N, C-alpha and C. Protein backbone atom coordinates (compact mmCIF):
# COMPACT_ATOMS: atom_id res chain seq x y z
N MET A 1 0.85 -1.19 0.00
CA MET A 1 0.00 0.00 0.00
C MET A 1 0.88 1.24 0.00
N ASN A 2 0.52 2.22 -0.80
CA ASN A 2 1.29 3.45 -0.88
C ASN A 2 0.88 4.39 0.23
N ALA A 3 1.84 4.82 0.99
CA ALA A 3 1.57 5.78 2.06
C ALA A 3 1.65 7.19 1.48
N PRO A 4 0.83 8.11 1.98
CA PRO A 4 0.92 9.49 1.48
C PRO A 4 2.26 10.11 1.85
N LEU A 5 2.71 11.04 1.05
CA LEU A 5 3.95 11.74 1.35
C LEU A 5 3.76 12.58 2.60
N PRO A 6 4.83 12.80 3.35
CA PRO A 6 4.70 13.64 4.55
C PRO A 6 4.10 15.00 4.20
N GLY A 7 3.16 15.43 5.00
CA GLY A 7 2.53 16.72 4.80
C GLY A 7 1.37 16.69 3.82
N ARG A 8 1.07 15.51 3.24
CA ARG A 8 -0.04 15.41 2.29
C ARG A 8 -1.11 14.50 2.86
N GLN A 9 -2.36 14.80 2.55
CA GLN A 9 -3.47 13.97 3.03
C GLN A 9 -3.60 12.72 2.18
N HIS A 10 -4.08 11.67 2.80
CA HIS A 10 -4.42 10.45 2.08
C HIS A 10 -5.65 10.75 1.24
N PRO A 11 -5.76 10.19 0.01
CA PRO A 11 -6.92 10.46 -0.84
C PRO A 11 -8.26 10.17 -0.16
N ALA A 12 -8.33 9.13 0.67
CA ALA A 12 -9.59 8.84 1.37
C ALA A 12 -9.94 9.96 2.34
N ASP A 13 -8.95 10.53 2.99
CA ASP A 13 -9.19 11.65 3.89
C ASP A 13 -9.69 12.87 3.12
N GLN A 14 -9.18 13.08 1.92
CA GLN A 14 -9.62 14.20 1.10
C GLN A 14 -11.08 14.04 0.72
N GLY A 15 -11.50 12.80 0.42
CA GLY A 15 -12.90 12.54 0.10
C GLY A 15 -13.80 12.85 1.28
N GLN A 16 -13.38 12.45 2.48
CA GLN A 16 -14.17 12.75 3.68
C GLN A 16 -14.26 14.25 3.89
N LEU A 17 -13.16 14.95 3.65
CA LEU A 17 -13.15 16.40 3.81
C LEU A 17 -14.13 17.04 2.82
N ARG A 18 -14.13 16.57 1.57
CA ARG A 18 -15.07 17.10 0.58
C ARG A 18 -16.51 16.83 0.99
N LEU A 19 -16.79 15.62 1.50
CA LEU A 19 -18.14 15.28 1.94
C LEU A 19 -18.58 16.20 3.07
N ARG A 20 -17.71 16.44 4.02
CA ARG A 20 -18.05 17.34 5.13
C ARG A 20 -18.30 18.76 4.63
N LEU A 21 -17.46 19.20 3.70
CA LEU A 21 -17.60 20.56 3.16
C LEU A 21 -18.91 20.70 2.41
N VAL A 22 -19.28 19.71 1.60
CA VAL A 22 -20.55 19.76 0.87
C VAL A 22 -21.72 19.76 1.83
N ALA A 23 -21.70 18.89 2.85
CA ALA A 23 -22.79 18.83 3.82
C ALA A 23 -22.92 20.16 4.56
N ARG A 24 -21.80 20.75 4.93
CA ARG A 24 -21.83 22.03 5.63
C ARG A 24 -22.33 23.13 4.70
N THR A 25 -21.83 23.14 3.46
CA THR A 25 -22.23 24.16 2.49
C THR A 25 -23.73 24.07 2.22
N CYS A 26 -24.25 22.87 2.07
CA CYS A 26 -25.69 22.70 1.82
C CYS A 26 -26.50 23.23 2.98
N ALA A 27 -26.11 22.90 4.19
CA ALA A 27 -26.84 23.37 5.37
C ALA A 27 -26.80 24.88 5.47
N VAL A 28 -25.65 25.47 5.22
CA VAL A 28 -25.52 26.93 5.27
C VAL A 28 -26.38 27.57 4.19
N ALA A 29 -26.37 27.02 2.98
CA ALA A 29 -27.15 27.59 1.88
C ALA A 29 -28.64 27.54 2.18
N LEU A 30 -29.12 26.41 2.71
CA LEU A 30 -30.53 26.30 3.05
C LEU A 30 -30.91 27.31 4.13
N HIS A 31 -30.05 27.45 5.13
CA HIS A 31 -30.29 28.42 6.21
C HIS A 31 -30.33 29.84 5.64
N ASP A 32 -29.36 30.16 4.78
CA ASP A 32 -29.30 31.49 4.18
C ASP A 32 -30.53 31.78 3.33
N TYR A 33 -31.13 30.75 2.77
CA TYR A 33 -32.34 30.90 1.96
C TYR A 33 -33.57 31.13 2.83
N GLY A 34 -33.44 30.94 4.14
CA GLY A 34 -34.54 31.19 5.07
C GLY A 34 -35.20 29.93 5.60
N ILE A 35 -34.67 28.78 5.24
CA ILE A 35 -35.26 27.52 5.70
C ILE A 35 -34.79 27.26 7.12
N ARG A 36 -35.73 26.97 8.01
CA ARG A 36 -35.39 26.73 9.42
C ARG A 36 -35.74 25.32 9.87
N ALA A 37 -36.50 24.58 9.06
CA ALA A 37 -36.84 23.20 9.38
C ALA A 37 -36.90 22.40 8.08
N ILE A 38 -36.47 21.16 8.15
CA ILE A 38 -36.48 20.28 6.99
C ILE A 38 -37.16 18.98 7.41
N LEU A 39 -38.09 18.53 6.59
CA LEU A 39 -38.80 17.28 6.85
C LEU A 39 -38.31 16.23 5.87
N ALA A 40 -37.88 15.07 6.37
CA ALA A 40 -37.41 13.99 5.50
C ALA A 40 -37.44 12.69 6.29
N PRO A 41 -37.47 11.56 5.57
CA PRO A 41 -37.46 10.27 6.28
C PRO A 41 -36.09 9.93 6.88
N SER A 42 -35.02 10.50 6.32
CA SER A 42 -33.69 10.22 6.88
C SER A 42 -32.71 11.31 6.42
N TYR A 43 -31.58 11.37 7.09
CA TYR A 43 -30.53 12.33 6.79
C TYR A 43 -29.18 11.65 6.94
N ALA A 44 -28.21 12.07 6.16
CA ALA A 44 -26.83 11.65 6.39
C ALA A 44 -26.40 12.27 7.72
N ASP A 45 -25.60 11.53 8.49
CA ASP A 45 -25.19 12.02 9.81
C ASP A 45 -24.53 13.39 9.75
N ILE A 46 -23.66 13.59 8.76
CA ILE A 46 -22.95 14.87 8.67
C ILE A 46 -23.93 16.01 8.42
N PHE A 47 -24.86 15.81 7.48
CA PHE A 47 -25.84 16.85 7.18
C PHE A 47 -26.75 17.10 8.39
N HIS A 48 -27.18 16.03 9.05
CA HIS A 48 -28.03 16.15 10.23
C HIS A 48 -27.36 17.03 11.29
N ASN A 49 -26.11 16.76 11.58
CA ASN A 49 -25.38 17.54 12.58
C ASN A 49 -25.19 18.99 12.12
N ASN A 50 -24.91 19.18 10.83
CA ASN A 50 -24.72 20.54 10.32
C ASN A 50 -26.01 21.35 10.35
N CYS A 51 -27.15 20.69 10.24
CA CYS A 51 -28.42 21.42 10.38
C CYS A 51 -28.49 22.06 11.76
N PHE A 52 -28.21 21.28 12.80
CA PHE A 52 -28.24 21.82 14.16
C PHE A 52 -27.20 22.92 14.33
N ASN A 53 -26.02 22.71 13.77
CA ASN A 53 -24.94 23.69 13.90
C ASN A 53 -25.26 25.00 13.19
N ASN A 54 -26.21 24.95 12.25
CA ASN A 54 -26.56 26.15 11.49
C ASN A 54 -27.96 26.65 11.78
N GLY A 55 -28.54 26.22 12.90
CA GLY A 55 -29.82 26.77 13.33
C GLY A 55 -31.05 26.22 12.63
N MET A 56 -30.94 25.02 12.06
CA MET A 56 -32.10 24.40 11.42
C MET A 56 -32.48 23.14 12.18
N LEU A 57 -33.76 22.82 12.11
CA LEU A 57 -34.26 21.63 12.77
C LEU A 57 -34.54 20.56 11.72
N PRO A 58 -33.74 19.47 11.71
CA PRO A 58 -34.01 18.36 10.80
C PRO A 58 -35.03 17.42 11.44
N ILE A 59 -36.21 17.31 10.86
CA ILE A 59 -37.28 16.50 11.42
C ILE A 59 -37.40 15.22 10.63
N ARG A 60 -37.29 14.09 11.32
CA ARG A 60 -37.44 12.78 10.68
C ARG A 60 -38.90 12.35 10.80
N LEU A 61 -39.49 12.04 9.66
CA LEU A 61 -40.86 11.53 9.62
C LEU A 61 -40.89 10.30 8.72
N PRO A 62 -41.78 9.36 8.98
CA PRO A 62 -41.88 8.19 8.10
C PRO A 62 -42.17 8.63 6.65
N GLY A 63 -41.68 7.84 5.70
CA GLY A 63 -41.85 8.16 4.29
C GLY A 63 -43.30 8.35 3.88
N ASP A 64 -44.20 7.56 4.46
CA ASP A 64 -45.62 7.70 4.08
C ASP A 64 -46.19 9.04 4.58
N VAL A 65 -45.69 9.54 5.68
CA VAL A 65 -46.13 10.85 6.18
C VAL A 65 -45.62 11.95 5.25
N ILE A 66 -44.36 11.84 4.84
CA ILE A 66 -43.79 12.82 3.90
C ILE A 66 -44.59 12.82 2.60
N GLU A 67 -44.91 11.63 2.09
CA GLU A 67 -45.68 11.53 0.85
C GLU A 67 -47.06 12.16 1.01
N GLN A 68 -47.70 11.96 2.16
CA GLN A 68 -49.01 12.57 2.41
C GLN A 68 -48.91 14.09 2.44
N LEU A 69 -47.84 14.60 3.02
CA LEU A 69 -47.64 16.06 3.03
C LEU A 69 -47.51 16.60 1.61
N PHE A 70 -46.75 15.89 0.76
CA PHE A 70 -46.62 16.31 -0.64
C PHE A 70 -47.97 16.30 -1.34
N LYS A 71 -48.80 15.31 -1.06
CA LYS A 71 -50.13 15.24 -1.65
C LYS A 71 -50.97 16.44 -1.21
N GLU A 72 -50.88 16.79 0.06
CA GLU A 72 -51.62 17.95 0.58
C GLU A 72 -51.18 19.24 -0.10
N VAL A 73 -49.88 19.39 -0.27
CA VAL A 73 -49.34 20.59 -0.92
C VAL A 73 -49.84 20.69 -2.36
N ARG A 74 -49.78 19.56 -3.07
CA ARG A 74 -50.23 19.57 -4.47
C ARG A 74 -51.73 19.82 -4.59
N ALA A 75 -52.51 19.32 -3.66
CA ALA A 75 -53.97 19.41 -3.74
C ALA A 75 -54.53 20.74 -3.23
N ASN A 76 -53.77 21.43 -2.42
CA ASN A 76 -54.29 22.65 -1.78
C ASN A 76 -53.35 23.83 -2.01
N GLU A 77 -53.72 24.68 -2.95
CA GLU A 77 -52.91 25.87 -3.21
C GLU A 77 -52.81 26.71 -1.94
N GLY A 78 -51.62 27.16 -1.62
CA GLY A 78 -51.43 27.97 -0.42
C GLY A 78 -51.31 27.15 0.86
N TYR A 79 -51.21 25.83 0.73
CA TYR A 79 -51.09 24.96 1.90
C TYR A 79 -49.89 25.38 2.73
N THR A 80 -50.08 25.49 4.02
CA THR A 80 -48.96 25.83 4.91
C THR A 80 -48.86 24.80 6.03
N LEU A 81 -47.67 24.65 6.49
CA LEU A 81 -47.38 23.77 7.61
C LEU A 81 -46.51 24.56 8.57
N THR A 82 -46.89 24.61 9.81
CA THR A 82 -46.15 25.38 10.81
C THR A 82 -45.34 24.45 11.70
N VAL A 83 -44.09 24.81 11.90
CA VAL A 83 -43.20 24.09 12.81
C VAL A 83 -42.87 25.01 13.96
N ASP A 84 -43.12 24.57 15.17
CA ASP A 84 -42.84 25.35 16.36
C ASP A 84 -41.37 25.14 16.73
N LEU A 85 -40.49 26.01 16.22
CA LEU A 85 -39.06 25.82 16.45
C LEU A 85 -38.64 25.91 17.91
N PRO A 86 -39.15 26.89 18.68
CA PRO A 86 -38.73 26.93 20.09
C PRO A 86 -39.05 25.64 20.85
N ARG A 87 -40.19 25.02 20.53
CA ARG A 87 -40.57 23.78 21.21
C ARG A 87 -40.12 22.55 20.43
N ARG A 88 -39.51 22.79 19.24
CA ARG A 88 -39.03 21.71 18.37
C ARG A 88 -40.13 20.71 18.04
N ARG A 89 -41.27 21.25 17.59
CA ARG A 89 -42.43 20.42 17.21
C ARG A 89 -42.97 20.88 15.87
């Protein structure tokens, strides 16, 4: 196995760094856009943690609940859903 040269990162470490940077950048961009809560059935650990670090609440809901919410949005123009951020609900 080839060891990295002194002072250089191993390629696998560079990939992890890029993944962390993308997850952080995505969370920051969503926050900057005004999004404060995200509903999804699952999240990558890095993105999940970055949501909290950037003031967003990542809410995990079963896939069928997410699908029902999409149906409600499509069927009802102006549909709104309120998330109580201080109480995290």
